[in-house]
Amino acid sequence: MPDRERWKSRILTAGREAKRFAVAAAHQADALIQVARQKAETAARRRKVRRTLQQASRVLKTAGKAALAAGALAAIGAVAREIDVRSRKKRRALA
């Protein structure tokens, strides 16, 4: 009988220890899942930010090209206006 009691206590001790290790492993797995989830969210956020920056870059390039075109047209208009003013002055001087 004492032998049976000793085995029971050993079995109970082994069961408690196995439970303790299982709980520790579950905590470790939860921590790993949380880290993996954060990394996935960070990667998704990075992709979204990169996509937004690319889109903004395209918009800014287009706006820059439009500004250059507007500047060139304004310069051409200014030159044409100046030529027109000079020709008027010459006409007045001749008349």
C-alpha atoms as a PDB file:
ATOM      1  CA  MET A   1       0.000   0.000   0.000  1.00  0.00           C
ATOM      2  CA  PRO A   2       2.718   2.541   0.806  1.00  0.00           C
ATOM      3  CA  ASP A   3       4.200   1.806  -2.611  1.00  0.00           C
ATOM      4  CA  ARG A   4       0.885   2.671  -4.274  1.00  0.00           C
ATOM      5  CA  GLU A   5       0.648   5.980  -2.332  1.00  0.00           C
ATOM      6  CA  ARG A   6       4.150   6.922  -3.422  1.00  0.00           C
ATOM      7  CA  TRP A   7       3.256   6.302  -7.095  1.00  0.00           C
ATOM      8  CA  LYS A   8       0.075   8.339  -6.752  1.00  0.00           C
ATOM      9  CA  SER A   9       1.992  11.297  -5.346  1.00  0.00           C
ATOM     10  CA  ARG A  10       4.604  11.005  -8.108  1.00  0.00           C
ATOM     11  CA  ILE A  11       1.898  10.865 -10.771  1.00  0.00           C
ATOM     12  CA  LEU A  12       0.150  13.907  -9.258  1.00  0.00           C
ATOM     13  CA  THR A  13       3.432  15.799  -9.077  1.00  0.00           C
ATOM     14  CA  ALA A  14       4.249  14.921 -12.688  1.00  0.00           C
ATOM     15  CA  GLY A  15       0.742  16.010 -13.753  1.00  0.00           C
ATOM     16  CA  ARG A  16       1.062  19.350 -11.958  1.00  0.00           C
ATOM     17  CA  GLU A  17       4.481  19.936 -13.499  1.00  0.00           C
ATOM     18  CA  ALA A  18       3.170  19.042 -16.971  1.00  0.00           C
ATOM     19  CA  LYS A  19       0.283  21.473 -16.452  1.00  0.00           C
ATOM     20  CA  ARG A  20       2.722  24.205 -15.379  1.00  0.00           C
ATOM     21  CA  PHE A  21       4.860  23.641 -18.484  1.00  0.00           C
ATOM     22  CA  ALA A  22       1.757  23.593 -20.708  1.00  0.00           C
ATOM     23  CA  VAL A  23       0.592  26.928 -19.275  1.00  0.00           C
ATOM     24  CA  ALA A  24       4.065  28.405 -19.756  1.00  0.00           C
ATOM     25  CA  ALA A  25       4.130  27.144 -23.353  1.00  0.00           C
ATOM     26  CA  ALA A  26       0.682  28.675 -23.970  1.00  0.00           C
ATOM     27  CA  HIS A  27       1.908  32.027 -22.634  1.00  0.00           C
ATOM     28  CA  GLN A  28       4.969  31.801 -24.864  1.00  0.00           C
ATOM     29  CA  ALA A  29       2.806  30.951 -27.895  1.00  0.00           C
ATOM     30  CA  ASP A  30       0.498  33.899 -27.144  1.00  0.00           C
ATOM     31  CA  ALA A  31       3.497  36.223 -26.951  1.00  0.00           C
ATOM     32  CA  LEU A  32       4.836  34.896 -30.270  1.00  0.00           C
ATOM     33  CA  ILE A  33       1.445  35.302 -31.944  1.00  0.00           C
ATOM     34  CA  GLN A  34       1.198  38.870 -30.662  1.00  0.00           C
ATOM     35  CA  VAL A  35       4.655  39.716 -32.025  1.00  0.00           C
ATOM     36  CA  ALA A  36       3.796  38.115 -35.380  1.00  0.00           C
ATOM     37  CA  ARG A  37       0.528  40.059 -35.539  1.00  0.00           C
ATOM     38  CA  GLN A  38       2.333  43.339 -34.791  1.00  0.00           C
ATOM     39  CA  LYS A  39       4.909  42.620 -37.499  1.00  0.00           C
ATOM     40  CA  ALA A  40       2.131  41.835 -39.986  1.00  0.00           C
ATOM     41  CA  GLU A  41       0.312  45.072 -39.089  1.00  0.00           C
ATOM     42  CA  THR A  42       3.565  47.002 -39.392  1.00  0.00           C
ATOM     43  CA  ALA A  43       4.279  45.477 -42.795  1.00  0.00           C
ATOM     44  CA  ALA A  44       0.753  46.259 -43.976  1.00  0.00           C
ATOM     45  CA  ARG A  45       1.065  49.798 -42.666  1.00  0.00           C
ATOM     46  CA  ARG A  46       4.419  50.176 -44.451  1.00  0.00           C
ATOM     47  CA  ARG A  47       2.883  48.965 -47.712  1.00  0.00           C
ATOM     48  CA  LYS A  48      -0.004  51.405 -47.312  1.00  0.00           C
ATOM     49  CA  VAL A  49       2.324  54.314 -46.554  1.00  0.00           C
ATOM     50  CA  ARG A  50       4.565  53.394 -49.509  1.00  0.00           C
ATOM     51  CA  ARG A  51       1.536  53.245 -51.813  1.00  0.00           C
ATOM     52  CA  THR A  52       0.326  56.631 -50.546  1.00  0.00           C
ATOM     53  CA  LEU A  53       3.769  58.164 -51.028  1.00  0.00           C
ATOM     54  CA  GLN A  54       3.965  56.810 -54.585  1.00  0.00           C
ATOM     55  CA  GLN A  55       0.557  58.276 -55.338  1.00  0.00           C
ATOM     56  CA  ALA A  56       1.561  61.632 -53.853  1.00  0.00           C
ATOM     57  CA  SER A  57       4.760  61.521 -55.887  1.00  0.00           C
ATOM     58  CA  ARG A  58       2.782  61.025 -59.093  1.00  0.00           C
ATOM     59  CA  VAL A  59       0.475  63.920 -58.214  1.00  0.00           C
ATOM     60  CA  LEU A  60       3.426  66.190 -57.423  1.00  0.00           C
ATOM     61  CA  LYS A  61       5.189  65.241 -60.666  1.00  0.00           C
ATOM     62  CA  THR A  62       2.063  66.079 -62.639  1.00  0.00           C
ATOM     63  CA  ALA A  63       1.639  69.357 -60.752  1.00  0.00           C
ATOM     64  CA  GLY A  64       5.295  70.201 -61.406  1.00  0.00           C
ATOM     65  CA  LYS A  65       4.905  69.554 -65.117  1.00  0.00           C
ATOM     66  CA  ALA A  66       1.778  71.713 -65.192  1.00  0.00           C
ATOM     67  CA  ALA A  67       3.619  74.486 -63.340  1.00  0.00           C
ATOM     68  CA  LEU A  68       6.485  74.329 -65.846  1.00  0.00           C
ATOM     69  CA  ALA A  69       4.065  74.511 -68.736  1.00  0.00           C
ATOM     70  CA  ALA A  70       2.238  77.455 -67.146  1.00  0.00           C
ATOM     71  CA  GLY A  71       5.552  79.213 -66.520  1.00  0.00           C
ATOM     72  CA  ALA A  72       6.621  78.692 -70.123  1.00  0.00           C
ATOM     73  CA  LEU A  73       3.301  80.058 -71.393  1.00  0.00           C
ATOM     74  CA  ALA A  74       3.589  83.062 -69.078  1.00  0.00           C
ATOM     75  CA  ALA A  75       7.132  83.719 -70.329  1.00  0.00           C
ATOM     76  CA  ILE A  76       6.004  83.477 -73.957  1.00  0.00           C
ATOM     77  CA  GLY A  77       3.103  85.820 -73.207  1.00  0.00           C
ATOM     78  CA  ALA A  78       5.419  88.304 -71.478  1.00  0.00           C
ATOM     79  CA  VAL A  79       7.859  88.263 -74.395  1.00  0.00           C
ATOM     80  CA  ALA A  80       5.015  88.719 -76.892  1.00  0.00           C
ATOM     81  CA  ARG A  81       3.595  91.609 -74.841  1.00  0.00           C
ATOM     82  CA  GLU A  82       7.019  93.274 -74.655  1.00  0.00           C
ATOM     83  CA  ILE A  83       7.508  92.913 -78.408  1.00  0.00           C
ATOM     84  CA  ASP A  84       4.062  94.413 -78.942  1.00  0.00           C
ATOM     85  CA  VAL A  85       4.858  97.367 -76.630  1.00  0.00           C
ATOM     86  CA  ARG A  86       8.178  98.037 -78.413  1.00  0.00           C
ATOM     87  CA  SER A  87       6.557  97.918 -81.828  1.00  0.00           C
ATOM     88  CA  ARG A  88       3.918 100.424 -80.643  1.00  0.00           C
ATOM     89  CA  LYS A  89       6.647 102.768 -79.406  1.00  0.00           C
ATOM     90  CA  LYS A  90       8.449 102.461 -82.744  1.00  0.00           C
ATOM     91  CA  ARG A  91       5.230 103.193 -84.621  1.00  0.00           C
ATOM     92  CA  ARG A  92       4.619 106.273 -82.452  1.00  0.00           C
ATOM     93  CA  ALA A  93       8.159 107.463 -82.999  1.00  0.00           C
ATOM     94  CA  LEU A  94       7.823 107.051 -86.759  1.00  0.00           C
ATOM     95  CA  ALA A  95       4.459 108.723 -86.947  1.00  0.00           C
END
